[in-house]
């Protein structure tokens, strides 16, 4: 039986910085479709980036 590789947890500071970059990029892209999301844009970004 082949052993499954388990990835180590990322360094917390790295994970936080990557999450912030992801949130920024997502917010920028989705804000172009503000008509689709309206006032829910921040909530959509929050749901997509929670971990």
PDB file of N, CA and C in Angstrom:
ATOM      1  N   UNK A   1       0.853  -1.200   0.000  1.00  0.00           N
ATOM      2  CA  UNK A   1       0.000   0.000   0.000  1.00  0.00           C
ATOM      3  C   UNK A   1       0.888   1.249   0.000  1.00  0.00           C
ATOM      4  N   UNK A   2       0.598   2.181  -0.913  1.00  0.00           N
ATOM      5  CA  UNK A   2       1.398   3.398  -1.028  1.00  0.00           C
ATOM      6  C   UNK A   2       0.982   4.388   0.060  1.00  0.00           C
ATOM      7  N   UNK A   3       1.995   4.993   0.703  1.00  0.00           N
ATOM      8  CA  UNK A   3       1.706   5.968   1.759  1.00  0.00           C
ATOM      9  C   UNK A   3       1.352   7.313   1.137  1.00  0.00           C
ATOM     10  N   UNK A   4       0.319   7.935   1.657  1.00  0.00           N
ATOM     11  CA  UNK A   4      -0.142   9.225   1.140  1.00  0.00           C
ATOM     12  C   UNK A   4       0.714  10.341   1.738  1.00  0.00           C
ATOM     13  N   UNK A   5       1.193  11.242   0.893  1.00  0.00           N
ATOM     14  CA  UNK A   5       2.002  12.370   1.360  1.00  0.00           C
ATOM     15  C   UNK A   5       1.096  13.419   1.999  1.00  0.00           C
ATOM     16  N   UNK A   6       1.505  13.884   3.165  1.00  0.00           N
ATOM     17  CA  UNK A   6       0.755  14.930   3.867  1.00  0.00           C
ATOM     18  C   UNK A   6       1.591  16.204   3.803  1.00  0.00           C
ATOM     19  N   UNK A   7       1.005  17.237   3.231  1.00  0.00           N
ATOM     20  CA  UNK A   7       1.709  18.508   3.136  1.00  0.00           C
ATOM     21  C   UNK A   7       1.770  19.184   4.501  1.00  0.00           C
ATOM     22  N   UNK A   8       2.915  19.770   4.847  1.00  0.00           N
ATOM     23  CA  UNK A   8       3.020  20.466   6.137  1.00  0.00           C
ATOM     24  C   UNK A   8       2.201  21.757   6.118  1.00  0.00           C
ATOM     25  N   UNK A   9       1.792  22.204   7.282  1.00  0.00           N
ATOM     26  CA  UNK A   9       1.067  23.470   7.378  1.00  0.00           C
ATOM     27  C   UNK A   9       2.013  24.605   6.997  1.00  0.00           C
ATOM     28  N   UNK A  10       1.512  25.617   6.288  1.00  0.00           N
ATOM     29  CA  UNK A  10       2.374  26.744   5.919  1.00  0.00           C
ATOM     30  C   UNK A  10       2.696  27.611   7.140  1.00  0.00           C
ATOM     31  N   UNK A  11       3.750  28.364   7.020  1.00  0.00           N
ATOM     32  CA  UNK A  11       4.113  29.320   8.064  1.00  0.00           C
ATOM     33  C   UNK A  11       2.965  30.322   8.177  1.00  0.00           C
ATOM     34  N   UNK A  12       2.468  30.593   9.404  1.00  0.00           N
ATOM     35  CA  UNK A  12       1.290  31.480   9.553  1.00  0.00           C
ATOM     36  C   UNK A  12       1.424  32.826   8.852  1.00  0.00           C
ATOM     37  N   UNK A  13       2.595  33.451   8.928  1.00  0.00           N
ATOM     38  CA  UNK A  13       2.773  34.764   8.300  1.00  0.00           C
ATOM     39  C   UNK A  13       2.669  34.660   6.779  1.00  0.00           C
ATOM     40  N   UNK A  14       3.206  33.585   6.218  1.00  0.00           N
ATOM     41  CA  UNK A  14       3.123  33.372   4.773  1.00  0.00           C
ATOM     42  C   UNK A  14       1.668  33.157   4.367  1.00  0.00           C
ATOM     43  N   UNK A  15       0.968  32.312   5.123  1.00  0.00           N
ATOM     44  CA  UNK A  15      -0.437  32.036   4.814  1.00  0.00           C
ATOM     45  C   UNK A  15      -1.263  33.325   4.877  1.00  0.00           C
ATOM     46  N   UNK A  16      -1.011  34.147   5.880  1.00  0.00           N
ATOM     47  CA  UNK A  16      -1.753  35.404   6.030  1.00  0.00           C
ATOM     48  C   UNK A  16      -1.468  36.350   4.864  1.00  0.00           C
ATOM     49  N   UNK A  17      -0.202  36.466   4.474  1.00  0.00           N
ATOM     50  CA  UNK A  17       0.128  37.379   3.375  1.00  0.00           C
ATOM     51  C   UNK A  17      -0.466  36.889   2.056  1.00  0.00           C
ATOM     52  N   UNK A  18      -0.449  35.579   1.836  1.00  0.00           N
ATOM     53  CA  UNK A  18      -1.040  35.029   0.611  1.00  0.00           C
ATOM     54  C   UNK A  18      -2.556  35.221   0.602  1.00  0.00           C
ATOM     55  N   UNK A  19      -3.183  35.077   1.757  1.00  0.00           N
ATOM     56  CA  UNK A  19      -4.631  35.282   1.856  1.00  0.00           C
ATOM     57  C   UNK A  19      -4.974  36.735   1.542  1.00  0.00           C
ATOM     58  N   UNK A  20      -4.181  37.661   2.062  1.00  0.00           N
ATOM     59  CA  UNK A  20      -4.431  39.084   1.790  1.00  0.00           C
ATOM     60  C   UNK A  20      -4.257  39.396   0.303  1.00  0.00           C
ATOM     61  N   UNK A  21      -3.239  38.811  -0.326  1.00  0.00           N
ATOM     62  CA  UNK A  21      -3.041  39.023  -1.770  1.00  0.00           C
ATOM     63  C   UNK A  21      -4.231  38.467  -2.550  1.00  0.00           C
ATOM     64  N   UNK A  22      -4.666  37.268  -2.170  1.00  0.00           N
ATOM     65  CA  UNK A  22      -5.802  36.635  -2.839  1.00  0.00           C
ATOM     66  C   UNK A  22      -7.049  37.500  -2.706  1.00  0.00           C
ATOM     67  N   UNK A  23      -7.314  37.996  -1.489  1.00  0.00           N
ATOM     68  CA  UNK A  23      -8.489  38.843  -1.244  1.00  0.00           C
ATOM     69  C   UNK A  23      -8.423  40.109  -2.107  1.00  0.00           C
ATOM     70  N   UNK A  24      -7.250  40.711  -2.184  1.00  0.00           N
ATOM     71  CA  UNK A  24      -7.091  41.933  -2.976  1.00  0.00           C
ATOM     72  C   UNK A  24      -7.353  41.701  -4.452  1.00  0.00           C
ATOM     73  N   UNK A  25      -6.779  40.621  -4.978  1.00  0.00           N
ATOM     74  CA  UNK A  25      -6.976  40.298  -6.392  1.00  0.00           C
ATOM     75  C   UNK A  25      -8.433  39.949  -6.688  1.00  0.00           C
ATOM     76  N   UNK A  26      -9.033  39.155  -5.804  1.00  0.00           N
ATOM     77  CA  UNK A  26     -10.427  38.762  -5.991  1.00  0.00           C
ATOM     78  C   UNK A  26     -11.342  39.985  -5.944  1.00  0.00           C
ATOM     79  N   UNK A  27     -11.106  40.858  -4.987  1.00  0.00           N
ATOM     80  CA  UNK A  27     -11.915  42.073  -4.853  1.00  0.00           C
ATOM     81  C   UNK A  27     -11.789  42.933  -6.119  1.00  0.00           C
ATOM     82  N   UNK A  28     -10.557  43.047  -6.624  1.00  0.00           N
ATOM     83  CA  UNK A  28     -10.324  43.845  -7.829  1.00  0.00           C
ATOM     84  C   UNK A  28     -11.076  43.248  -9.027  1.00  0.00           C
ATOM     85  N   UNK A  29     -10.981  41.927  -9.191  1.00  0.00           N
ATOM     86  CA  UNK A  29     -11.648  41.281 -10.329  1.00  0.00           C
ATOM     87  C   UNK A  29     -13.170  41.332 -10.204  1.00  0.00           C
ATOM     88  N   UNK A  30     -13.683  41.038  -9.017  1.00  0.00           N
ATOM     89  CA  UNK A  30     -15.134  41.001  -8.856  1.00  0.00           C
ATOM     90  C   UNK A  30     -15.758  42.387  -8.864  1.00  0.00           C
ATOM     91  N   UNK A  31     -14.994  43.401  -8.489  1.00  0.00           N
ATOM     92  CA  UNK A  31     -15.557  44.758  -8.477  1.00  0.00           C
ATOM     93  C   UNK A  31     -15.870  45.242  -9.892  1.00  0.00           C
ATOM     94  N   UNK A  32     -15.264  44.598 -10.899  1.00  0.00           N
ATOM     95  CA  UNK A  32     -15.594  44.933 -12.287  1.00  0.00           C
ATOM     96  C   UNK A  32     -17.015  44.497 -12.632  1.00  0.00           C
ATOM     97  N   UNK A  33     -17.545  43.544 -11.846  1.00  0.00           N
ATOM     98  CA  UNK A  33     -18.920  43.069 -12.036  1.00  0.00           C
ATOM     99  C   UNK A  33     -19.795  43.508 -10.854  1.00  0.00           C
ATOM    100  N   UNK A  34     -19.626  44.736 -10.449  1.00  0.00           N
ATOM    101  CA  UNK A  34     -20.344  45.253  -9.277  1.00  0.00           C
ATOM    102  C   UNK A  34     -21.859  45.084  -9.429  1.00  0.00           C
ATOM    103  N   UNK A  35     -22.363  45.149 -10.660  1.00  0.00           N
ATOM    104  CA  UNK A  35     -23.804  44.983 -10.880  1.00  0.00           C
ATOM    105  C   UNK A  35     -24.270  43.593 -10.443  1.00  0.00           C
ATOM    106  N   UNK A  36     -23.418  42.599 -10.598  1.00  0.00           N
ATOM    107  CA  UNK A  36     -23.788  41.222 -10.224  1.00  0.00           C
ATOM    108  C   UNK A  36     -23.819  41.040  -8.716  1.00  0.00           C
ATOM    109  N   UNK A  37     -22.890  41.691  -8.009  1.00  0.00           N
ATOM    110  CA  UNK A  37     -22.741  41.460  -6.575  1.00  0.00           C
ATOM    111  C   UNK A  37     -23.329  42.561  -5.704  1.00  0.00           C
ATOM    112  N   UNK A  38     -23.346  43.774  -6.214  1.00  0.00           N
ATOM    113  CA  UNK A  38     -23.898  44.900  -5.464  1.00  0.00           C
ATOM    114  C   UNK A  38     -23.253  45.053  -4.104  1.00  0.00           C
ATOM    115  N   UNK A  39     -24.083  45.188  -3.072  1.00  0.00           N
ATOM    116  CA  UNK A  39     -23.595  45.388  -1.707  1.00  0.00           C
ATOM    117  C   UNK A  39     -23.024  44.110  -1.098  1.00  0.00           C
ATOM    118  N   UNK A  40     -23.157  42.981  -1.779  1.00  0.00           N
ATOM    119  CA  UNK A  40     -22.674  41.702  -1.242  1.00  0.00           C
ATOM    120  C   UNK A  40     -21.227  41.402  -1.636  1.00  0.00           C
ATOM    121  N   UNK A  41     -20.571  42.307  -2.331  1.00  0.00           N
ATOM    122  CA  UNK A  41     -19.224  42.062  -2.827  1.00  0.00           C
ATOM    123  C   UNK A  41     -18.264  41.674  -1.698  1.00  0.00           C
ATOM    124  N   UNK A  42     -18.246  42.435  -0.612  1.00  0.00           N
ATOM    125  CA  UNK A  42     -17.343  42.124   0.504  1.00  0.00           C
ATOM    126  C   UNK A  42     -17.656  40.765   1.110  1.00  0.00           C
ATOM    127  N   UNK A  43     -18.933  40.432   1.227  1.00  0.00           N
ATOM    128  CA  UNK A  43     -19.330  39.145   1.786  1.00  0.00           C
ATOM    129  C   UNK A  43     -18.877  37.997   0.886  1.00  0.00           C
ATOM    130  N   UNK A  44     -18.992  38.158  -0.418  1.00  0.00           N
ATOM    131  CA  UNK A  44     -18.532  37.134  -1.370  1.00  0.00           C
ATOM    132  C   UNK A  44     -17.047  36.908  -1.212  1.00  0.00           C
ATOM    133  N   UNK A  45     -16.262  37.983  -1.134  1.00  0.00           N
ATOM    134  CA  UNK A  45     -14.809  37.883  -0.976  1.00  0.00           C
ATOM    135  C   UNK A  45     -14.477  37.213   0.360  1.00  0.00           C
ATOM    136  N   UNK A  46     -15.198  37.558   1.422  1.00  0.00           N
ATOM    137  CA  UNK A  46     -14.957  36.938   2.725  1.00  0.00           C
ATOM    138  C   UNK A  46     -15.202  35.435   2.679  1.00  0.00           C
ATOM    139  N   UNK A  47     -16.278  35.012   2.068  1.00  0.00           N
ATOM    140  CA  UNK A  47     -16.594  33.584   1.989  1.00  0.00           C
ATOM    141  C   UNK A  47     -15.541  32.846   1.155  1.00  0.00           C
ATOM    142  N   UNK A  48     -15.109  33.464   0.062  1.00  0.00           N
ATOM    143  CA  UNK A  48     -14.147  32.804  -0.819  1.00  0.00           C
ATOM    144  C   UNK A  48     -12.760  32.702  -0.179  1.00  0.00           C
ATOM    145  N   UNK A  49     -12.444  33.560   0.761  1.00  0.00           N
ATOM    146  CA  UNK A  49     -11.087  33.558   1.321  1.00  0.00           C
ATOM    147  C   UNK A  49     -11.015  33.030   2.744  1.00  0.00           C
ATOM    148  N   UNK A  50     -12.120  32.537   3.294  1.00  0.00           N
ATOM    149  CA  UNK A  50     -12.011  31.979   4.641  1.00  0.00           C
ATOM    150  C   UNK A  50     -11.361  30.613   4.566  1.00  0.00           C
ATOM    151  N   UNK A  51     -10.619  30.289   5.584  1.00  0.00           N
ATOM    152  CA  UNK A  51      -9.859  29.046   5.517  1.00  0.00           C
ATOM    153  C   UNK A  51      -9.948  28.222   6.696  1.00  0.00           C
TER     154      UNK A  51
END
